[in-house]
């Protein structure tokens, strides 16, 4: 299950709820990007995770350490780690059209751009405003290229009250 949508829309909150309800592990795309400019290169990371898992083999990805600014080791997800065959992959780019055939459910979470920017700045700090603005442009281009929202099985309002 892929939970995609723009940064700050509420994807992580939804993924946590899905994991709690199903027992499925969650892979956060933030761990796969190689920094603020890493969205365009994330498909290679998804390949080493999703393709082997789909074949019943352990999948792997390199985990990025945002504080160190470098990859910091590998993470393995084995088929026996999954609940049934369910893995929740959460984050911008998780619904890449490159791996659409491996996705059972694609969820799109959305919220207005200003709300998302405010949430991101509150979480990450005002000193990263420039990076957030550039990220929003990059994710818009990525989502348009992959037609992520249009392909989604479920649309979620990331501003709706939990309930």
C-alpha atoms as a PDB file:
ATOM      1  CA  UNK A   1       0.000   0.000   0.000  1.00  0.00           C
ATOM      2  CA  UNK A   2       1.447   3.341  -1.028  1.00  0.00           C
ATOM      3  CA  UNK A   3       0.467   6.524   0.800  1.00  0.00           C
ATOM      4  CA  UNK A   4       1.567   9.362  -1.461  1.00  0.00           C
ATOM      5  CA  UNK A   5       0.828  13.052  -1.768  1.00  0.00           C
ATOM      6  CA  UNK A   6       2.645  16.318  -1.251  1.00  0.00           C
ATOM      7  CA  UNK A   7       4.884  16.955   1.749  1.00  0.00           C
ATOM      8  CA  UNK A   8       3.022  18.121   4.844  1.00  0.00           C
ATOM      9  CA  UNK A   9      -0.326  16.745   3.691  1.00  0.00           C
ATOM     10  CA  UNK A  10      -0.710  14.148   6.465  1.00  0.00           C
ATOM     11  CA  UNK A  11       0.731  10.997   4.895  1.00  0.00           C
ATOM     12  CA  UNK A  12       2.758   9.960   7.926  1.00  0.00           C
ATOM     13  CA  UNK A  13      -0.217  10.367  10.245  1.00  0.00           C
ATOM     14  CA  UNK A  14      -2.346   8.176   7.975  1.00  0.00           C
ATOM     15  CA  UNK A  15       0.430   5.585   7.579  1.00  0.00           C
ATOM     16  CA  UNK A  16       0.782   5.302  11.360  1.00  0.00           C
ATOM     17  CA  UNK A  17      -2.962   4.704  11.670  1.00  0.00           C
ATOM     18  CA  UNK A  18      -2.849   2.073   8.920  1.00  0.00           C
ATOM     19  CA  UNK A  19       0.072   0.325  10.608  1.00  0.00           C
ATOM     20  CA  UNK A  20      -1.716   0.359  13.958  1.00  0.00           C
ATOM     21  CA  UNK A  21      -4.881  -1.076  12.404  1.00  0.00           C
ATOM     22  CA  UNK A  22      -3.177  -3.766  10.311  1.00  0.00           C
ATOM     23  CA  UNK A  23       0.127  -4.509  12.030  1.00  0.00           C
ATOM     24  CA  UNK A  24       1.918  -3.834   8.737  1.00  0.00           C
ATOM     25  CA  UNK A  25       5.403  -2.333   8.801  1.00  0.00           C
ATOM     26  CA  UNK A  26       5.902   1.156   7.357  1.00  0.00           C
ATOM     27  CA  UNK A  27       8.762   2.294   5.154  1.00  0.00           C
ATOM     28  CA  UNK A  28       9.110   6.073   5.138  1.00  0.00           C
ATOM     29  CA  UNK A  29      10.295   7.590   1.881  1.00  0.00           C
ATOM     30  CA  UNK A  30      12.191  10.237   3.882  1.00  0.00           C
ATOM     31  CA  UNK A  31      14.656   7.427   4.622  1.00  0.00           C
ATOM     32  CA  UNK A  32      15.170   6.734   0.904  1.00  0.00           C
ATOM     33  CA  UNK A  33      15.826  10.204  -0.548  1.00  0.00           C
ATOM     34  CA  UNK A  34      19.421  11.317  -0.713  1.00  0.00           C
ATOM     35  CA  UNK A  35      18.648  14.768   0.631  1.00  0.00           C
ATOM     36  CA  UNK A  36      16.415  17.575  -0.564  1.00  0.00           C
ATOM     37  CA  UNK A  37      17.237  16.915  -4.213  1.00  0.00           C
ATOM     38  CA  UNK A  38      16.772  13.137  -4.005  1.00  0.00           C
ATOM     39  CA  UNK A  39      13.231  12.740  -5.264  1.00  0.00           C
ATOM     40  CA  UNK A  40      14.265  12.249  -8.896  1.00  0.00           C
ATOM     41  CA  UNK A  41      16.554   9.370  -7.925  1.00  0.00           C
ATOM     42  CA  UNK A  42      14.289   7.520  -5.513  1.00  0.00           C
ATOM     43  CA  UNK A  43      12.994   4.952  -8.022  1.00  0.00           C
ATOM     44  CA  UNK A  44      16.317   3.115  -7.822  1.00  0.00           C
ATOM     45  CA  UNK A  45      15.857   2.795  -4.065  1.00  0.00           C
ATOM     46  CA  UNK A  46      12.295   1.554  -4.520  1.00  0.00           C
ATOM     47  CA  UNK A  47      13.528  -1.067  -6.997  1.00  0.00           C
ATOM     48  CA  UNK A  48      15.824  -2.724  -4.457  1.00  0.00           C
ATOM     49  CA  UNK A  49      12.984  -2.791  -1.923  1.00  0.00           C
ATOM     50  CA  UNK A  50       9.845  -3.632  -3.892  1.00  0.00           C
ATOM     51  CA  UNK A  51      11.017  -5.902  -6.707  1.00  0.00           C
ATOM     52  CA  UNK A  52      12.628  -8.518  -4.432  1.00  0.00           C
ATOM     53  CA  UNK A  53       9.684  -8.431  -1.997  1.00  0.00           C
ATOM     54  CA  UNK A  54       7.269  -9.038  -4.870  1.00  0.00           C
ATOM     55  CA  UNK A  55       9.330 -12.125  -5.733  1.00  0.00           C
ATOM     56  CA  UNK A  56       9.183 -13.366  -2.129  1.00  0.00           C
ATOM     57  CA  UNK A  57      12.759 -12.322  -1.355  1.00  0.00           C
ATOM     58  CA  UNK A  58      14.069  -9.754   1.157  1.00  0.00           C
ATOM     59  CA  UNK A  59      14.068  -6.188  -0.112  1.00  0.00           C
ATOM     60  CA  UNK A  60      16.626  -3.576   0.877  1.00  0.00           C
ATOM     61  CA  UNK A  61      17.184   0.138   0.755  1.00  0.00           C
ATOM     62  CA  UNK A  62      19.890   2.527   1.847  1.00  0.00           C
ATOM     63  CA  UNK A  63      18.771   4.704   4.781  1.00  0.00           C
ATOM     64  CA  UNK A  64      19.591   8.377   4.514  1.00  0.00           C
ATOM     65  CA  UNK A  65      20.752  10.239   7.614  1.00  0.00           C
ATOM     66  CA  UNK A  66      19.496  13.816   7.228  1.00  0.00           C
ATOM     67  CA  UNK A  67      21.738  15.129  10.023  1.00  0.00           C
ATOM     68  CA  UNK A  68      24.899  13.595   8.565  1.00  0.00           C
ATOM     69  CA  UNK A  69      23.862  14.392   4.982  1.00  0.00           C
ATOM     70  CA  UNK A  70      24.774  10.899   3.778  1.00  0.00           C
ATOM     71  CA  UNK A  71      23.484   7.374   3.549  1.00  0.00           C
ATOM     72  CA  UNK A  72      23.988   5.542   6.835  1.00  0.00           C
ATOM     73  CA  UNK A  73      23.606   1.859   6.239  1.00  0.00           C
ATOM     74  CA  UNK A  74      21.088  -0.487   4.729  1.00  0.00           C
ATOM     75  CA  UNK A  75      17.690  -1.646   5.932  1.00  0.00           C
ATOM     76  CA  UNK A  76      16.339  -5.069   5.019  1.00  0.00           C
ATOM     77  CA  UNK A  77      12.642  -5.867   4.893  1.00  0.00           C
ATOM     78  CA  UNK A  78      12.013  -9.598   4.689  1.00  0.00           C
ATOM     79  CA  UNK A  79       8.760 -11.172   3.552  1.00  0.00           C
ATOM     80  CA  UNK A  80       8.251 -12.568   7.067  1.00  0.00           C
ATOM     81  CA  UNK A  81       8.319  -8.954   8.381  1.00  0.00           C
ATOM     82  CA  UNK A  82       5.094  -8.222   6.519  1.00  0.00           C
ATOM     83  CA  UNK A  83       1.574  -8.698   7.818  1.00  0.00           C
ATOM     84  CA  UNK A  84       0.232 -11.074   5.211  1.00  0.00           C
ATOM     85  CA  UNK A  85       1.698  -9.455   2.139  1.00  0.00           C
ATOM     86  CA  UNK A  86       1.101  -5.896   3.342  1.00  0.00           C
ATOM     87  CA  UNK A  87       3.802  -3.257   3.485  1.00  0.00           C
ATOM     88  CA  UNK A  88       2.905   0.414   3.843  1.00  0.00           C
ATOM     89  CA  UNK A  89       5.241   2.679   1.874  1.00  0.00           C
ATOM     90  CA  UNK A  90       4.665   6.286   2.899  1.00  0.00           C
ATOM     91  CA  UNK A  91       5.921   9.467   1.355  1.00  0.00           C
ATOM     92  CA  UNK A  92       6.298  11.561  -1.747  1.00  0.00           C
ATOM     93  CA  UNK A  93       7.115   9.266  -4.649  1.00  0.00           C
ATOM     94  CA  UNK A  94       5.900   6.056  -3.013  1.00  0.00           C
ATOM     95  CA  UNK A  95       3.201   5.801  -5.684  1.00  0.00           C
ATOM     96  CA  UNK A  96       5.703   5.996  -8.539  1.00  0.00           C
ATOM     97  CA  UNK A  97       4.146   4.780 -11.793  1.00  0.00           C
ATOM     98  CA  UNK A  98       7.339   2.767 -12.362  1.00  0.00           C
ATOM     99  CA  UNK A  99       6.119   0.267  -9.754  1.00  0.00           C
ATOM    100  CA  UNK A 100       2.351   0.589 -10.248  1.00  0.00           C
ATOM    101  CA  UNK A 101       2.107  -3.128 -11.012  1.00  0.00           C
ATOM    102  CA  UNK A 102       3.466  -3.873  -7.509  1.00  0.00           C
ATOM    103  CA  UNK A 103       1.019  -1.563  -5.737  1.00  0.00           C
ATOM    104  CA  UNK A 104      -2.193  -3.045  -4.378  1.00  0.00           C
ATOM    105  CA  UNK A 105      -3.652   0.247  -3.128  1.00  0.00           C
ATOM    106  CA  UNK A 106      -2.503   3.786  -3.873  1.00  0.00           C
ATOM    107  CA  UNK A 107      -3.734   6.406  -1.425  1.00  0.00           C
ATOM    108  CA  UNK A 108      -3.382  10.111  -2.203  1.00  0.00           C
ATOM    109  CA  UNK A 109      -3.384  12.508   0.770  1.00  0.00           C
ATOM    110  CA  UNK A 110      -3.798  16.199   0.017  1.00  0.00           C
ATOM    111  CA  UNK A 111      -3.969  19.539   1.762  1.00  0.00           C
ATOM    112  CA  UNK A 112      -3.635  23.136   0.519  1.00  0.00           C
ATOM    113  CA  UNK A 113      -0.094  24.259  -0.348  1.00  0.00           C
ATOM    114  CA  UNK A 114       0.029  26.936   2.367  1.00  0.00           C
ATOM    115  CA  UNK A 115      -1.082  24.452   5.037  1.00  0.00           C
ATOM    116  CA  UNK A 116       1.555  21.963   3.905  1.00  0.00           C
ATOM    117  CA  UNK A 117       4.297  24.587   3.905  1.00  0.00           C
ATOM    118  CA  UNK A 118       3.306  25.749   7.394  1.00  0.00           C
ATOM    119  CA  UNK A 119       3.331  22.169   8.690  1.00  0.00           C
ATOM    120  CA  UNK A 120       6.719  21.478   7.134  1.00  0.00           C
ATOM    121  CA  UNK A 121       8.273  24.644   8.567  1.00  0.00           C
ATOM    122  CA  UNK A 122       6.780  23.917  11.998  1.00  0.00           C
ATOM    123  CA  UNK A 123       8.223  20.409  11.922  1.00  0.00           C
ATOM    124  CA  UNK A 124      11.614  21.116  10.332  1.00  0.00           C
ATOM    125  CA  UNK A 125      12.332  24.748  11.244  1.00  0.00           C
ATOM    126  CA  UNK A 126      12.128  28.096   9.507  1.00  0.00           C
ATOM    127  CA  UNK A 127      15.740  27.872   8.350  1.00  0.00           C
ATOM    128  CA  UNK A 128      14.579  25.234   5.822  1.00  0.00           C
ATOM    129  CA  UNK A 129      11.925  27.393   4.131  1.00  0.00           C
ATOM    130  CA  UNK A 130      13.967  27.694   0.916  1.00  0.00           C
ATOM    131  CA  UNK A 131      14.399  23.894   0.765  1.00  0.00           C
ATOM    132  CA  UNK A 132      10.691  23.379   1.391  1.00  0.00           C
ATOM    133  CA  UNK A 133       9.741  25.725  -1.451  1.00  0.00           C
ATOM    134  CA  UNK A 134      12.119  23.930  -3.839  1.00  0.00           C
ATOM    135  CA  UNK A 135      10.798  20.559  -2.613  1.00  0.00           C
ATOM    136  CA  UNK A 136       7.217  21.614  -3.348  1.00  0.00           C
ATOM    137  CA  UNK A 137       8.209  22.412  -6.930  1.00  0.00           C
ATOM    138  CA  UNK A 138      10.034  19.085  -7.284  1.00  0.00           C
ATOM    139  CA  UNK A 139       7.141  17.068  -5.897  1.00  0.00           C
ATOM    140  CA  UNK A 140       4.639  18.888  -8.130  1.00  0.00           C
ATOM    141  CA  UNK A 141       6.733  17.917 -11.171  1.00  0.00           C
ATOM    142  CA  UNK A 142       7.140  14.334  -9.918  1.00  0.00           C
ATOM    143  CA  UNK A 143       3.435  13.866  -9.248  1.00  0.00           C
ATOM    144  CA  UNK A 144       2.489  15.370 -12.612  1.00  0.00           C
ATOM    145  CA  UNK A 145       4.961  13.101 -14.449  1.00  0.00           C
ATOM    146  CA  UNK A 146       3.701   9.982 -12.648  1.00  0.00           C
ATOM    147  CA  UNK A 147       0.037  11.111 -12.612  1.00  0.00           C
ATOM    148  CA  UNK A 148      -0.049   9.958  -9.006  1.00  0.00           C
ATOM    149  CA  UNK A 149      -3.253  11.674  -7.919  1.00  0.00           C
ATOM    150  CA  UNK A 150      -5.091  10.538 -11.053  1.00  0.00           C
ATOM    151  CA  UNK A 151      -4.048   6.909 -10.487  1.00  0.00           C
ATOM    152  CA  UNK A 152      -4.975   6.880  -6.782  1.00  0.00           C
ATOM    153  CA  UNK A 153      -7.501   4.349  -5.546  1.00  0.00           C
ATOM    154  CA  UNK A 154      -8.440   6.567  -2.613  1.00  0.00           C
ATOM    155  CA  UNK A 155      -8.264  10.333  -2.070  1.00  0.00           C
ATOM    156  CA  UNK A 156      -7.875  11.564   1.527  1.00  0.00           C
ATOM    157  CA  UNK A 157      -8.337  15.113   2.806  1.00  0.00           C
ATOM    158  CA  UNK A 158      -5.303  15.693   5.005  1.00  0.00           C
ATOM    159  CA  UNK A 159      -7.046  18.599   6.749  1.00  0.00           C
ATOM    160  CA  UNK A 160     -10.077  16.582   7.869  1.00  0.00           C
ATOM    161  CA  UNK A 161     -10.360  15.985  11.619  1.00  0.00           C
ATOM    162  CA  UNK A 162      -9.328  12.520  12.773  1.00  0.00           C
ATOM    163  CA  UNK A 163     -12.226  10.380  13.700  1.00  0.00           C
END
